[in-house]
Amino acid sequence: MYSKHIRALADVKDGKWYKALNLVQSTADRDSCLINGYLHRLEGDFGNARYWYGLANQTMPGNSLEEEWNRLCDLISSG
């Protein structure tokens, strides 16, 4: 699963939003939910973003998108 999360985050960095979403939308593990929330936040769909962060037992953060991308990379790589 880890490699799927890393691939999704790399796709985000490359501007491939839909490709990243396709990797994480069909699973409900914590990291997939966080990435899914981030993706919806990136597109401006804050209601959907809050929903996905909530599934990961987190509130939608108020940090910048860049800070959140970095946080997710650190979180996922630390296992």
PDB file of N, CA and C in Angstrom:
ATOM      1  N   MET A   1       0.828  -1.196   0.000  1.00  0.00           N
ATOM      2  CA  MET A   1       0.000   0.000   0.000  1.00  0.00           C
ATOM      3  C   MET A   1       0.870   1.257   0.000  1.00  0.00           C
ATOM      4  N   TYR A   2       1.985   1.200   0.723  1.00  0.00           N
ATOM      5  CA  TYR A   2       2.885   2.348   0.852  1.00  0.00           C
ATOM      6  C   TYR A   2       3.260   2.921  -0.502  1.00  0.00           C
ATOM      7  N   SER A   3       3.633   2.065  -1.441  1.00  0.00           N
ATOM      8  CA  SER A   3       4.068   2.560  -2.749  1.00  0.00           C
ATOM      9  C   SER A   3       2.935   3.269  -3.486  1.00  0.00           C
ATOM     10  N   LYS A   4       1.708   2.839  -3.265  1.00  0.00           N
ATOM     11  CA  LYS A   4       0.563   3.500  -3.892  1.00  0.00           C
ATOM     12  C   LYS A   4       0.428   4.931  -3.367  1.00  0.00           C
ATOM     13  N   HIS A   5       0.641   5.105  -2.084  1.00  0.00           N
ATOM     14  CA  HIS A   5       0.549   6.437  -1.489  1.00  0.00           C
ATOM     15  C   HIS A   5       1.662   7.347  -2.011  1.00  0.00           C
ATOM     16  N   ILE A   6       2.871   6.815  -2.080  1.00  0.00           N
ATOM     17  CA  ILE A   6       3.997   7.591  -2.599  1.00  0.00           C
ATOM     18  C   ILE A   6       3.758   7.961  -4.060  1.00  0.00           C
ATOM     19  N   ARG A   7       3.253   7.024  -4.849  1.00  0.00           N
ATOM     20  CA  ARG A   7       2.939   7.303  -6.260  1.00  0.00           C
ATOM     21  C   ARG A   7       1.886   8.398  -6.378  1.00  0.00           C
ATOM     22  N   ALA A   8       0.864   8.322  -5.537  1.00  0.00           N
ATOM     23  CA  ALA A   8      -0.204   9.331  -5.578  1.00  0.00           C
ATOM     24  C   ALA A   8       0.356  10.715  -5.259  1.00  0.00           C
ATOM     25  N   LEU A   9       1.207  10.808  -4.248  1.00  0.00           N
ATOM     26  CA  LEU A   9       1.789  12.105  -3.901  1.00  0.00           C
ATOM     27  C   LEU A   9       2.715  12.614  -5.001  1.00  0.00           C
ATOM     28  N   ALA A  10       3.438  11.709  -5.646  1.00  0.00           N
ATOM     29  CA  ALA A  10       4.290  12.101  -6.775  1.00  0.00           C
ATOM     30  C   ALA A  10       3.428  12.597  -7.931  1.00  0.00           C
ATOM     31  N   ASP A  11       2.303  11.944  -8.168  1.00  0.00           N
ATOM     32  CA  ASP A  11       1.388  12.381  -9.225  1.00  0.00           C
ATOM     33  C   ASP A  11       0.855  13.777  -8.938  1.00  0.00           C
ATOM     34  N   VAL A  12       0.548  14.055  -7.677  1.00  0.00           N
ATOM     35  CA  VAL A  12       0.075  15.391  -7.299  1.00  0.00           C
ATOM     36  C   VAL A  12       1.140  16.421  -7.654  1.00  0.00           C
ATOM     37  N   LYS A  13       2.364  16.134  -7.288  1.00  0.00           N
ATOM     38  CA  LYS A  13       3.461  17.069  -7.564  1.00  0.00           C
ATOM     39  C   LYS A  13       3.621  17.296  -9.069  1.00  0.00           C
ATOM     40  N   ASP A  14       3.338  16.276  -9.862  1.00  0.00           N
ATOM     41  CA  ASP A  14       3.432  16.373 -11.319  1.00  0.00           C
ATOM     42  C   ASP A  14       2.169  16.957 -11.955  1.00  0.00           C
ATOM     43  N   GLY A  15       1.198  17.366 -11.127  1.00  0.00           N
ATOM     44  CA  GLY A  15      -0.024  17.956 -11.651  1.00  0.00           C
ATOM     45  C   GLY A  15      -1.026  16.952 -12.187  1.00  0.00           C
ATOM     46  N   LYS A  16      -0.887  15.705 -11.803  1.00  0.00           N
ATOM     47  CA  LYS A  16      -1.782  14.642 -12.299  1.00  0.00           C
ATOM     48  C   LYS A  16      -2.827  14.307 -11.225  1.00  0.00           C
ATOM     49  N   TRP A  17      -3.723  15.265 -10.993  1.00  0.00           N
ATOM     50  CA  TRP A  17      -4.725  15.155  -9.940  1.00  0.00           C
ATOM     51  C   TRP A  17      -5.585  13.895 -10.095  1.00  0.00           C
ATOM     52  N   TYR A  18      -6.128  13.687 -11.276  1.00  0.00           N
ATOM     53  CA  TYR A  18      -7.034  12.554 -11.484  1.00  0.00           C
ATOM     54  C   TYR A  18      -6.313  11.218 -11.334  1.00  0.00           C
ATOM     55  N   LYS A  19      -5.080  11.153 -11.788  1.00  0.00           N
ATOM     56  CA  LYS A  19      -4.312   9.927 -11.639  1.00  0.00           C
ATOM     57  C   LYS A  19      -4.091   9.622 -10.161  1.00  0.00           C
ATOM     58  N   ALA A  20      -3.756  10.644  -9.384  1.00  0.00           N
ATOM     59  CA  ALA A  20      -3.571  10.468  -7.946  1.00  0.00           C
ATOM     60  C   ALA A  20      -4.874  10.018  -7.284  1.00  0.00           C
ATOM     61  N   LEU A  21      -5.967  10.659  -7.651  1.00  0.00           N
ATOM     62  CA  LEU A  21      -7.266  10.299  -7.071  1.00  0.00           C
ATOM     63  C   LEU A  21      -7.628   8.856  -7.390  1.00  0.00           C
ATOM     64  N   ASN A  22      -7.381   8.424  -8.607  1.00  0.00           N
ATOM     65  CA  ASN A  22      -7.691   7.044  -8.984  1.00  0.00           C
ATOM     66  C   ASN A  22      -6.910   6.034  -8.146  1.00  0.00           C
ATOM     67  N   LEU A  23      -5.730   6.401  -7.702  1.00  0.00           N
ATOM     68  CA  LEU A  23      -4.935   5.485  -6.873  1.00  0.00           C
ATOM     69  C   LEU A  23      -5.507   5.323  -5.466  1.00  0.00           C
ATOM     70  N   VAL A  24      -6.088   6.385  -4.923  1.00  0.00           N
ATOM     71  CA  VAL A  24      -6.485   6.333  -3.507  1.00  0.00           C
ATOM     72  C   VAL A  24      -7.982   6.277  -3.248  1.00  0.00           C
ATOM     73  N   GLN A  25      -8.801   6.519  -4.238  1.00  0.00           N
ATOM     74  CA  GLN A  25     -10.234   6.641  -3.959  1.00  0.00           C
ATOM     75  C   GLN A  25     -10.937   5.326  -3.642  1.00  0.00           C
ATOM     76  N   SER A  26     -10.333   4.217  -4.002  1.00  0.00           N
ATOM     77  CA  SER A  26     -11.030   2.941  -3.791  1.00  0.00           C
ATOM     78  C   SER A  26     -10.644   2.260  -2.483  1.00  0.00           C
ATOM     79  N   THR A  27      -9.770   2.868  -1.697  1.00  0.00           N
ATOM     80  CA  THR A  27      -9.392   2.269  -0.422  1.00  0.00           C
ATOM     81  C   THR A  27      -9.686   3.244   0.707  1.00  0.00           C
ATOM     82  N   ALA A  28      -9.892   2.712   1.891  1.00  0.00           N
ATOM     83  CA  ALA A  28     -10.280   3.549   3.023  1.00  0.00           C
ATOM     84  C   ALA A  28      -9.268   3.503   4.165  1.00  0.00           C
ATOM     85  N   ASP A  29      -8.006   3.144   3.860  1.00  0.00           N
ATOM     86  CA  ASP A  29      -6.995   3.202   4.914  1.00  0.00           C
ATOM     87  C   ASP A  29      -6.706   4.670   5.229  1.00  0.00           C
ATOM     88  N   ARG A  30      -6.103   4.923   6.366  1.00  0.00           N
ATOM     89  CA  ARG A  30      -5.881   6.289   6.839  1.00  0.00           C
ATOM     90  C   ARG A  30      -5.140   7.145   5.802  1.00  0.00           C
ATOM     91  N   ASP A  31      -4.048   6.646   5.267  1.00  0.00           N
ATOM     92  CA  ASP A  31      -3.245   7.450   4.357  1.00  0.00           C
ATOM     93  C   ASP A  31      -3.986   7.757   3.058  1.00  0.00           C
ATOM     94  N   SER A  32      -4.726   6.798   2.546  1.00  0.00           N
ATOM     95  CA  SER A  32      -5.530   7.046   1.345  1.00  0.00           C
ATOM     96  C   SER A  32      -6.580   8.116   1.616  1.00  0.00           C
ATOM     97  N   CYS A  33      -7.204   8.058   2.780  1.00  0.00           N
ATOM     98  CA  CYS A  33      -8.216   9.059   3.138  1.00  0.00           C
ATOM     99  C   CYS A  33      -7.591  10.448   3.252  1.00  0.00           C
ATOM    100  N   LEU A  34      -6.405  10.523   3.851  1.00  0.00           N
ATOM    101  CA  LEU A  34      -5.732  11.822   3.981  1.00  0.00           C
ATOM    102  C   LEU A  34      -5.360  12.384   2.610  1.00  0.00           C
ATOM    103  N   ILE A  35      -4.834  11.552   1.750  1.00  0.00           N
ATOM    104  CA  ILE A  35      -4.473  12.016   0.403  1.00  0.00           C
ATOM    105  C   ILE A  35      -5.731  12.423  -0.358  1.00  0.00           C
ATOM    106  N   ASN A  36      -6.787  11.649  -0.217  1.00  0.00           N
ATOM    107  CA  ASN A  36      -8.047  11.976  -0.868  1.00  0.00           C
ATOM    108  C   ASN A  36      -8.558  13.327  -0.362  1.00  0.00           C
ATOM    109  N   GLY A  37      -8.491  13.540   0.942  1.00  0.00           N
ATOM    110  CA  GLY A  37      -8.888  14.829   1.513  1.00  0.00           C
ATOM    111  C   GLY A  37      -8.048  15.961   0.962  1.00  0.00           C
ATOM    112  N   TYR A  38      -6.749  15.741   0.893  1.00  0.00           N
ATOM    113  CA  TYR A  38      -5.846  16.750   0.342  1.00  0.00           C
ATOM    114  C   TYR A  38      -6.210  17.078  -1.107  1.00  0.00           C
ATOM    115  N   LEU A  39      -6.485  16.053  -1.891  1.00  0.00           N
ATOM    116  CA  LEU A  39      -6.829  16.274  -3.298  1.00  0.00           C
ATOM    117  C   LEU A  39      -8.090  17.109  -3.442  1.00  0.00           C
ATOM    118  N   HIS A  40      -9.088  16.838  -2.612  1.00  0.00           N
ATOM    119  CA  HIS A  40     -10.327  17.622  -2.691  1.00  0.00           C
ATOM    120  C   HIS A  40     -10.108  19.041  -2.175  1.00  0.00           C
ATOM    121  N   ARG A  41      -9.234  19.179  -1.209  1.00  0.00           N
ATOM    122  CA  ARG A  41      -8.861  20.521  -0.745  1.00  0.00           C
ATOM    123  C   ARG A  41      -8.156  21.276  -1.877  1.00  0.00           C
ATOM    124  N   LEU A  42      -7.283  20.614  -2.593  1.00  0.00           N
ATOM    125  CA  LEU A  42      -6.559  21.198  -3.713  1.00  0.00           C
ATOM    126  C   LEU A  42      -7.518  21.697  -4.794  1.00  0.00           C
ATOM    127  N   GLU A  43      -8.587  20.948  -5.024  1.00  0.00           N
ATOM    128  CA  GLU A  43      -9.552  21.357  -6.054  1.00  0.00           C
ATOM    129  C   GLU A  43     -10.565  22.376  -5.547  1.00  0.00           C
ATOM    130  N   GLY A  44     -10.536  22.653  -4.238  1.00  0.00           N
ATOM    131  CA  GLY A  44     -11.463  23.634  -3.679  1.00  0.00           C
ATOM    132  C   GLY A  44     -12.771  23.057  -3.189  1.00  0.00           C
ATOM    133  N   ASP A  45     -12.898  21.739  -3.148  1.00  0.00           N
ATOM    134  CA  ASP A  45     -14.106  21.069  -2.661  1.00  0.00           C
ATOM    135  C   ASP A  45     -13.925  20.776  -1.166  1.00  0.00           C
ATOM    136  N   PHE A  46     -14.118  21.816  -0.347  1.00  0.00           N
ATOM    137  CA  PHE A  46     -13.796  21.714   1.075  1.00  0.00           C
ATOM    138  C   PHE A  46     -14.733  20.797   1.847  1.00  0.00           C
ATOM    139  N   GLY A  47     -15.980  20.690   1.440  1.00  0.00           N
ATOM    140  CA  GLY A  47     -16.902  19.770   2.089  1.00  0.00           C
ATOM    141  C   GLY A  47     -16.443  18.330   1.927  1.00  0.00           C
ATOM    142  N   ASN A  48     -16.071  17.978   0.727  1.00  0.00           N
ATOM    143  CA  ASN A  48     -15.575  16.634   0.450  1.00  0.00           C
ATOM    144  C   ASN A  48     -14.232  16.420   1.146  1.00  0.00           C
ATOM    145  N   ALA A  49     -13.387  17.442   1.162  1.00  0.00           N
ATOM    146  CA  ALA A  49     -12.090  17.337   1.839  1.00  0.00           C
ATOM    147  C   ALA A  49     -12.292  17.051   3.330  1.00  0.00           C
ATOM    148  N   ARG A  50     -13.206  17.792   3.972  1.00  0.00           N
ATOM    149  CA  ARG A  50     -13.487  17.562   5.401  1.00  0.00           C
ATOM    150  C   ARG A  50     -13.975  16.130   5.638  1.00  0.00           C
ATOM    151  N   TYR A  51     -14.814  15.649   4.743  1.00  0.00           N
ATOM    152  CA  TYR A  51     -15.325  14.283   4.853  1.00  0.00           C
ATOM    153  C   TYR A  51     -14.175  13.281   4.884  1.00  0.00           C
ATOM    154  N   TRP A  52     -13.234  13.394   3.932  1.00  0.00           N
ATOM    155  CA  TRP A  52     -12.140  12.431   3.849  1.00  0.00           C
ATOM    156  C   TRP A  52     -11.161  12.565   5.009  1.00  0.00           C
ATOM    157  N   TYR A  53     -10.868  13.787   5.429  1.00  0.00           N
ATOM    158  CA  TYR A  53     -10.023  13.945   6.616  1.00  0.00           C
ATOM    159  C   TYR A  53     -10.718  13.330   7.829  1.00  0.00           C
ATOM    160  N   GLY A  54     -12.030  13.506   7.905  1.00  0.00           N
ATOM    161  CA  GLY A  54     -12.788  12.916   9.003  1.00  0.00           C
ATOM    162  C   GLY A  54     -12.708  11.400   9.024  1.00  0.00           C
ATOM    163  N   LEU A  55     -12.726  10.779   7.848  1.00  0.00           N
ATOM    164  CA  LEU A  55     -12.583   9.321   7.789  1.00  0.00           C
ATOM    165  C   LEU A  55     -11.232   8.871   8.331  1.00  0.00           C
ATOM    166  N   ALA A  56     -10.244   9.754   8.275  1.00  0.00           N
ATOM    167  CA  ALA A  56      -8.914   9.457   8.817  1.00  0.00           C
ATOM    168  C   ALA A  56      -8.795   9.926  10.264  1.00  0.00           C
ATOM    169  N   ASN A  57      -9.925  10.303  10.867  1.00  0.00           N
ATOM    170  CA  ASN A  57      -9.966  10.800  12.252  1.00  0.00           C
ATOM    171  C   ASN A  57      -9.117  12.045  12.449  1.00  0.00           C
ATOM    172  N   GLN A  58      -9.125  12.917  11.460  1.00  0.00           N
ATOM    173  CA  GLN A  58      -8.423  14.191  11.554  1.00  0.00           C
ATOM    174  C   GLN A  58      -9.351  15.294  11.069  1.00  0.00           C
ATOM    175  N   THR A  59      -9.070  16.500  11.515  1.00  0.00           N
ATOM    176  CA  THR A  59      -9.804  17.640  10.982  1.00  0.00           C
ATOM    177  C   THR A  59      -9.016  18.187   9.800  1.00  0.00           C
ATOM    178  N   MET A  60      -9.709  18.847   8.910  1.00  0.00           N
ATOM    179  CA  MET A  60      -9.029  19.420   7.764  1.00  0.00           C
ATOM    180  C   MET A  60      -8.075  20.497   8.269  1.00  0.00           C
ATOM    181  N   PRO A  61      -6.806  20.412   7.902  1.00  0.00           N
ATOM    182  CA  PRO A  61      -5.835  21.372   8.413  1.00  0.00           C
ATOM    183  C   PRO A  61      -5.982  22.747   7.771  1.00  0.00           C
ATOM    184  N   GLY A  62      -5.462  23.734   8.458  1.00  0.00           N
ATOM    185  CA  GLY A  62      -5.486  25.095   7.934  1.00  0.00           C
ATOM    186  C   GLY A  62      -4.146  25.511   7.354  1.00  0.00           C
ATOM    187  N   ASN A  63      -3.239  24.557   7.205  1.00  0.00           N
ATOM    188  CA  ASN A  63      -1.929  24.874   6.646  1.00  0.00           C
ATOM    189  C   ASN A  63      -2.032  25.078   5.136  1.00  0.00           C
ATOM    190  N   SER A  64      -0.938  25.527   4.528  1.00  0.00           N
ATOM    191  CA  SER A  64      -0.947  25.713   3.075  1.00  0.00           C
ATOM    192  C   SER A  64      -0.962  24.349   2.397  1.00  0.00           C
ATOM    193  N   LEU A  65      -1.322  24.324   1.143  1.00  0.00           N
ATOM    194  CA  LEU A  65      -1.321  23.071   0.384  1.00  0.00           C
ATOM    195  C   LEU A  65       0.089  22.490   0.297  1.00  0.00           C
ATOM    196  N   GLU A  66       1.083  23.351   0.135  1.00  0.00           N
ATOM    197  CA  GLU A  66       2.463  22.871   0.088  1.00  0.00           C
ATOM    198  C   GLU A  66       2.881  22.255   1.424  1.00  0.00           C
ATOM    199  N   GLU A  67       2.516  22.921   2.516  1.00  0.00           N
ATOM    200  CA  GLU A  67       2.833  22.376   3.842  1.00  0.00           C
ATOM    201  C   GLU A  67       2.129  21.043   4.069  1.00  0.00           C
ATOM    202  N   GLU A  68       0.900  20.941   3.609  1.00  0.00           N
ATOM    203  CA  GLU A  68       0.164  19.691   3.790  1.00  0.00           C
ATOM    204  C   GLU A  68       0.760  18.578   2.934  1.00  0.00           C
ATOM    205  N   TRP A  69       1.166  18.882   1.706  1.00  0.00           N
ATOM    206  CA  TRP A  69       1.814  17.878   0.868  1.00  0.00           C
ATOM    207  C   TRP A  69       3.076  17.366   1.564  1.00  0.00           C
ATOM    208  N   ASN A  70       3.872  18.279   2.104  1.00  0.00           N
ATOM    209  CA  ASN A  70       5.088  17.885   2.824  1.00  0.00           C
ATOM    210  C   ASN A  70       4.766  17.070   4.066  1.00  0.00           C
ATOM    211  N   ARG A  71       3.721  17.465   4.790  1.00  0.00           N
ATOM    212  CA  ARG A  71       3.311  16.717   5.993  1.00  0.00           C
ATOM    213  C   ARG A  71       2.905  15.301   5.623  1.00  0.00           C
ATOM    214  N   LEU A  72       2.140  15.158   4.549  1.00  0.00           N
ATOM    215  CA  LEU A  72       1.704  13.834   4.119  1.00  0.00           C
ATOM    216  C   LEU A  72       2.884  12.983   3.676  1.00  0.00           C
ATOM    217  N   CYS A  73       3.828  13.577   2.958  1.00  0.00           N
ATOM    218  CA  CYS A  73       5.031  12.829   2.556  1.00  0.00           C
ATOM    219  C   CYS A  73       5.785  12.334   3.788  1.00  0.00           C
ATOM    220  N   ASP A  74       5.962  13.208   4.774  1.00  0.00           N
ATOM    221  CA  ASP A  74       6.677  12.813   6.004  1.00  0.00           C
ATOM    222  C   ASP A  74       5.909  11.727   6.752  1.00  0.00           C
ATOM    223  N   LEU A  75       4.597  11.906   6.859  1.00  0.00           N
ATOM    224  CA  LEU A  75       3.767  10.940   7.579  1.00  0.00           C
ATOM    225  C   LEU A  75       3.823   9.560   6.928  1.00  0.00           C
ATOM    226  N   ILE A  76       3.716   9.525   5.637  1.00  0.00           N
ATOM    227  CA  ILE A  76       3.683   8.244   4.920  1.00  0.00           C
ATOM    228  C   ILE A  76       5.058   7.594   4.916  1.00  0.00           C
ATOM    229  N   SER A  77       6.113   8.397   4.734  1.00  0.00           N
ATOM    230  CA  SER A  77       7.439   7.772   4.715  1.00  0.00           C
ATOM    231  C   SER A  77       7.893   7.325   6.081  1.00  0.00           C
ATOM    232  N   SER A  78       7.308   7.875   7.146  1.00  0.00           N
ATOM    233  CA  SER A  78       7.691   7.417   8.488  1.00  0.00           C
ATOM    234  C   SER A  78       6.905   6.177   8.893  1.00  0.00           C
ATOM    235  N   GLY A  79       5.960   5.793   8.061  1.00  0.00           N
ATOM    236  CA  GLY A  79       5.239   4.551   8.236  1.00  0.00           C
ATOM    237  C   GLY A  79       4.152   4.594   9.208  1.00  0.00           C
TER     238      GLY A  79
END
